């Protein structure tokens, strides 16, 4: 049986909420999981448990401005804040002799990809779930974003989500909207920083083994966004799945596929 733990640590002026899942036996790899926009690491409880049951040591944390981590809700001054947090946690999750894995979903996928391209220590393996490497927004919004970020950087704007776009399981949306730690607003600065990060990864390919999983019915981050990168790395498309692949009825199968891919790479 896997053991889960939640703790808060002080990082500078803020607290950071961290979750871990592992079995008593020595793991065969360590995984750092990075969640998406508006959510928090607690929504990955079943993912963490399943990965731990497969023999992996799993760590996740709430991104700055989300969940139980400090900072203004839905705001960052710079995308570097996310990358710094990933670097801290990747070091903390590493263990001598164990391969390190960075796994990111949606915004977490963009963060993980950016980190893997530009930062050290680099993970040994990279896994991206519906990575937000592009945004389904009109051109005028992209143009206006940096202007608003300069004028009113901390102004938060609603980032509405249609619950049906998350998963075919209606209970997922019900829990999402009832979750007090879910925050569906983002500051103008955060939006501008995300758009800049998306532009910065275009055409670039990680040097470490990389695997993408994406739902073919994803309307939040359409699957064609990851197709160009998917031509240069491993990619598996799940035709009927929506944005939150791990929260679909087939979620456990997606996680099993990820574990199988990882074992093949390591062995």
Protein backbone atom coordinates (compact mmCIF):
# COMPACT_ATOMS: atom_id res chain seq x y z
CA UNK A 1 0.00 0.00 0.00
CA UNK A 2 1.26 3.49 -0.87
CA UNK A 3 1.79 6.12 1.81
CA UNK A 4 0.72 9.73 1.18
CA UNK A 5 1.90 12.81 3.03
CA UNK A 6 1.08 16.53 2.93
CA UNK A 7 3.30 19.26 4.36
CA UNK A 8 3.79 23.01 4.16
CA UNK A 9 7.27 24.49 3.99
CA UNK A 10 8.40 28.11 4.10
CA UNK A 11 10.05 29.39 0.92
CA UNK A 12 11.13 33.01 1.31
CA UNK A 13 8.06 35.03 2.26
CA UNK A 14 5.56 32.34 1.31
CA UNK A 15 4.54 28.82 2.18
CA UNK A 16 4.55 25.97 -0.35
CA UNK A 17 2.25 22.99 -0.02
CA UNK A 18 3.90 19.67 -0.96
CA UNK A 19 2.43 16.19 -1.40
CA UNK A 20 4.27 12.88 -1.64
CA UNK A 21 3.22 9.32 -2.40
CA UNK A 22 5.48 6.29 -2.04
CA UNK A 23 5.65 2.69 -0.89
CA UNK A 24 7.99 1.43 1.83
CA UNK A 25 10.01 -0.51 -0.77
CA UNK A 26 12.80 1.24 -2.68
CA UNK A 27 11.33 2.91 -5.81
CA UNK A 28 12.74 2.45 -9.31
CA UNK A 29 12.34 6.14 -10.29
CA UNK A 30 11.24 9.45 -8.80
CA UNK A 31 8.47 11.55 -10.36
CA UNK A 32 7.79 15.26 -9.89
CA UNK A 33 4.23 16.09 -10.96
CA UNK A 34 3.28 19.67 -11.94
CA UNK A 35 -0.43 20.53 -11.97
CA UNK A 36 -2.34 22.82 -14.35
CA UNK A 37 -3.88 26.28 -14.17
CA UNK A 38 -6.54 27.04 -11.54
CA UNK A 39 -6.06 23.72 -9.73
CA UNK A 40 -3.74 22.19 -7.14
CA UNK A 41 -1.80 19.01 -6.35
CA UNK A 42 -4.63 17.56 -4.27
CA UNK A 43 -6.56 16.84 -7.47
CA UNK A 44 -3.87 14.26 -8.31
CA UNK A 45 -4.37 12.02 -5.28
CA UNK A 46 -5.43 9.00 -7.35
CA UNK A 47 -2.65 9.61 -9.88
CA UNK A 48 -0.04 9.80 -7.14
CA UNK A 49 -1.35 6.65 -5.50
CA UNK A 50 -1.40 4.65 -8.73
CA UNK A 51 2.11 5.70 -9.69
CA UNK A 52 3.33 4.87 -6.18
CA UNK A 53 1.66 1.46 -6.35
CA UNK A 54 3.61 0.90 -9.57
CA UNK A 55 6.82 1.39 -7.58
CA UNK A 56 7.50 5.06 -8.22
CA UNK A 57 8.34 7.74 -5.68
CA UNK A 58 6.00 10.66 -6.43
CA UNK A 59 6.15 14.29 -5.35
CA UNK A 60 3.92 17.21 -6.28
CA UNK A 61 3.35 20.74 -5.02
CA UNK A 62 0.96 23.65 -5.41
CA UNK A 63 2.27 26.24 -7.85
CA UNK A 64 2.76 29.84 -6.65
CA UNK A 65 -0.62 31.53 -6.36
CA UNK A 66 -2.61 28.29 -6.38
CA UNK A 67 -3.94 25.79 -3.85
CA UNK A 68 -2.23 25.88 -0.49
CA UNK A 69 0.87 27.72 -1.67
CA UNK A 70 1.25 31.40 -0.79
CA UNK A 71 1.17 34.44 -3.03
CA UNK A 72 -1.60 36.44 -4.66
CA UNK A 73 -4.19 34.05 -6.09
CA UNK A 74 -3.78 33.42 -9.81
CA UNK A 75 -0.80 35.75 -10.13
CA UNK A 76 2.92 35.62 -10.85
CA UNK A 77 5.31 38.46 -11.59
CA UNK A 78 7.37 36.22 -13.87
CA UNK A 79 7.18 32.73 -15.39
CA UNK A 80 10.56 32.19 -13.76
CA UNK A 81 8.71 31.76 -10.44
CA UNK A 82 7.23 28.52 -11.75
CA UNK A 83 10.59 27.32 -13.09
CA UNK A 84 12.35 28.17 -9.82
CA UNK A 85 9.76 26.16 -7.89
CA UNK A 86 10.16 23.16 -10.20
CA UNK A 87 13.94 23.34 -9.80
CA UNK A 88 13.63 23.39 -6.02
CA UNK A 89 11.26 20.45 -5.97
CA UNK A 90 13.17 18.43 -8.55
CA UNK A 91 16.25 18.65 -6.35
CA UNK A 92 14.19 17.74 -3.27
CA UNK A 93 12.59 14.76 -5.00
CA UNK A 94 15.85 13.41 -6.43
CA UNK A 95 17.51 10.40 -4.87
CA UNK A 96 20.95 9.05 -5.67
CA UNK A 97 20.80 6.23 -8.18
CA UNK A 98 17.17 6.87 -9.16
CA UNK A 99 16.14 8.16 -12.60
CA UNK A 100 14.24 11.45 -12.31
CA UNK A 101 10.99 12.09 -14.16
CA UNK A 102 9.22 15.41 -14.70
CA UNK A 103 5.49 15.05 -15.43
CA UNK A 104 3.34 18.09 -16.20
CA UNK A 105 -0.33 18.51 -17.12
CA UNK A 106 -1.72 21.43 -19.18
CA UNK A 107 -0.06 24.60 -17.83
CA UNK A 108 2.12 22.19 -15.85
CA UNK A 109 3.10 20.66 -19.18
CA UNK A 110 4.21 24.05 -20.50
CA UNK A 111 6.14 24.65 -17.29
CA UNK A 112 7.74 21.20 -17.43
CA UNK A 113 8.71 21.58 -21.09
CA UNK A 114 10.18 25.05 -20.52
CA UNK A 115 12.14 23.81 -17.52
CA UNK A 116 13.46 20.77 -19.43
CA UNK A 117 14.59 23.00 -22.31
CA UNK A 118 16.22 25.78 -20.30
CA UNK A 119 17.06 24.78 -16.74
CA UNK A 120 19.25 22.48 -14.69
CA UNK A 121 19.30 20.04 -13.07
CA UNK A 122 17.49 18.48 -16.00
CA UNK A 123 15.18 15.51 -15.48
CA UNK A 124 16.17 12.21 -17.04
CA UNK A 125 12.71 11.77 -18.58
CA UNK A 126 9.91 14.17 -19.50
CA UNK A 127 6.19 13.33 -19.70
CA UNK A 128 3.64 15.89 -20.90
CA UNK A 129 -0.12 15.49 -20.48
CA UNK A 130 -2.19 17.78 -22.75
CA UNK A 131 0.62 20.36 -22.61
CA UNK A 132 -0.55 23.97 -22.99
CA UNK A 133 2.09 24.88 -25.54
CA UNK A 134 -0.46 27.02 -27.36
CA UNK A 135 -3.71 28.71 -26.34
CA UNK A 136 -7.16 28.64 -27.89
CA UNK A 137 -7.62 32.43 -27.66
CA UNK A 138 -8.24 35.13 -30.28
CA UNK A 139 -5.32 37.12 -31.67
CA UNK A 140 -6.56 40.39 -30.16
CA UNK A 141 -6.33 38.87 -26.69
CA UNK A 142 -2.69 37.91 -27.23
CA UNK A 143 -1.97 41.43 -28.51
CA UNK A 144 -3.72 43.10 -25.58
CA UNK A 145 -2.16 40.87 -22.90
CA UNK A 146 1.25 42.59 -22.58
CA UNK A 147 -0.38 46.04 -22.56
CA UNK A 148 -2.75 45.10 -19.73
CA UNK A 149 0.13 43.43 -17.89
CA UNK A 150 2.02 46.73 -17.89
CA UNK A 151 -0.95 48.88 -16.89
CA UNK A 152 -2.57 46.61 -14.28
CA UNK A 153 -0.38 43.52 -13.75
CA UNK A 154 -2.26 42.19 -10.72
CA UNK A 155 -5.75 42.63 -12.13
CA UNK A 156 -7.37 39.19 -12.11
CA UNK A 157 -9.73 38.22 -14.91
CA UNK A 158 -12.13 35.24 -14.91
CA UNK A 159 -10.82 32.20 -16.76
CA UNK A 160 -14.11 30.31 -17.16
CA UNK A 161 -14.05 26.56 -17.69
CA UNK A 162 -16.88 24.47 -19.12
CA UNK A 163 -17.04 21.45 -16.82
CA UNK A 164 -17.92 19.17 -19.73
CA UNK A 165 -14.54 19.93 -21.27
CA UNK A 166 -12.67 18.42 -18.31
CA UNK A 167 -13.89 14.82 -18.45
CA UNK A 168 -16.74 12.63 -19.68
CA UNK A 169 -17.33 11.75 -16.01
CA UNK A 170 -19.74 14.44 -14.71
CA UNK A 171 -18.59 13.96 -11.12
CA UNK A 172 -15.19 15.42 -12.08
CA UNK A 173 -16.74 18.80 -12.90
CA UNK A 174 -18.93 18.66 -9.80
CA UNK A 175 -15.89 18.18 -7.55
CA UNK A 176 -13.91 20.79 -9.49
CA UNK A 177 -16.45 23.58 -8.99
CA UNK A 178 -17.08 22.60 -5.36
CA UNK A 179 -13.36 22.62 -4.53
CA UNK A 180 -12.48 25.73 -2.48
CA UNK A 181 -8.84 25.50 -3.60
CA UNK A 182 -9.71 25.75 -7.30
CA UNK A 183 -9.28 29.36 -8.44
CA UNK A 184 -10.56 30.12 -11.94
CA UNK A 185 -9.10 33.60 -12.36
CA UNK A 186 -5.71 34.71 -13.66
CA UNK A 187 -3.90 38.02 -13.50
CA UNK A 188 -3.06 39.96 -16.64
CA UNK A 189 0.64 39.49 -15.87
CA UNK A 190 0.22 35.75 -15.56
CA UNK A 191 -1.58 35.63 -18.92
CA UNK A 192 1.13 37.63 -20.64
CA UNK A 193 3.87 35.47 -19.10
CA UNK A 194 2.10 32.32 -20.31
CA UNK A 195 1.81 33.62 -23.87
CA UNK A 196 5.52 34.53 -23.85
CA UNK A 197 6.42 31.06 -22.56
CA UNK A 198 4.33 29.45 -25.31
CA UNK A 199 6.16 31.44 -27.99
CA UNK A 200 9.53 30.52 -26.46
CA UNK A 201 9.05 26.74 -26.85
CA UNK A 202 7.87 26.74 -30.48
CA UNK A 203 10.03 24.46 -32.62
CA UNK A 204 12.25 23.35 -29.75
CA UNK A 205 12.75 19.70 -28.78
CA UNK A 206 13.92 18.39 -25.38
CA UNK A 207 17.13 16.37 -25.37
CA UNK A 208 15.87 13.80 -22.86
CA UNK A 209 13.39 11.00 -23.76
CA UNK A 210 9.97 12.64 -23.90
CA UNK A 211 6.44 11.23 -24.07
CA UNK A 212 3.21 13.14 -24.71
CA UNK A 213 -0.31 11.93 -23.89
CA UNK A 214 -3.24 13.91 -25.28
CA UNK A 215 -6.99 13.47 -25.57
CA UNK A 216 -8.38 13.66 -29.08
CA UNK A 217 -11.59 15.25 -27.73
CA UNK A 218 -9.72 17.92 -25.76
CA UNK A 219 -11.36 21.31 -26.41
CA UNK A 220 -9.36 23.26 -23.81
CA UNK A 221 -5.95 22.40 -25.27
CA UNK A 222 -6.76 20.81 -28.65
CA UNK A 223 -4.64 17.81 -29.54
CA UNK A 224 -3.24 19.42 -32.69
CA UNK A 225 -1.29 21.83 -30.46
CA UNK A 226 1.05 19.00 -29.41
CA UNK A 227 1.21 17.35 -32.85
CA UNK A 228 4.32 19.18 -34.18
CA UNK A 229 6.36 18.29 -31.09
CA UNK A 230 4.79 14.83 -31.16
CA UNK A 231 6.40 14.20 -34.55
CA UNK A 232 9.83 14.48 -32.93
CA UNK A 233 9.19 12.69 -29.62
CA UNK A 234 6.96 9.85 -28.43
CA UNK A 235 3.24 10.73 -28.43
CA UNK A 236 0.06 8.77 -27.78
CA UNK A 237 -3.34 10.15 -28.73
CA UNK A 238 -6.47 8.91 -26.95
CA UNK A 239 -9.23 9.76 -29.47
CA UNK A 240 -12.27 9.95 -27.17
CA UNK A 241 -10.63 11.48 -24.08
CA UNK A 242 -11.05 15.09 -23.02
CA UNK A 243 -8.63 17.49 -21.32
CA UNK A 244 -8.07 15.79 -17.96
CA UNK A 245 -6.96 12.39 -19.20
CA UNK A 246 -6.22 11.11 -15.70
CA UNK A 247 -9.78 11.97 -14.61
CA UNK A 248 -11.45 10.18 -17.49
CA UNK A 249 -12.94 6.70 -16.93
CA UNK A 250 -9.87 5.41 -18.80
CA UNK A 251 -7.51 7.41 -16.59
CA UNK A 252 -5.96 4.36 -14.90
CA UNK A 253 -5.16 2.93 -18.35
CA UNK A 254 -3.42 6.17 -19.36
CA UNK A 255 -1.31 6.02 -16.21
CA UNK A 256 -0.48 2.35 -16.89
CA UNK A 257 0.63 3.34 -20.40
CA UNK A 258 2.89 6.04 -18.95
CA UNK A 259 4.44 3.55 -16.52
CA UNK A 260 5.00 1.07 -19.36
CA UNK A 261 6.67 3.72 -21.53
CA UNK A 262 8.90 4.76 -18.65
CA UNK A 263 9.94 1.18 -17.89
CA UNK A 264 10.83 0.63 -21.55
CA UNK A 265 13.00 3.74 -21.55
CA UNK A 266 14.79 2.92 -18.32
CA UNK A 267 15.33 -0.74 -19.14
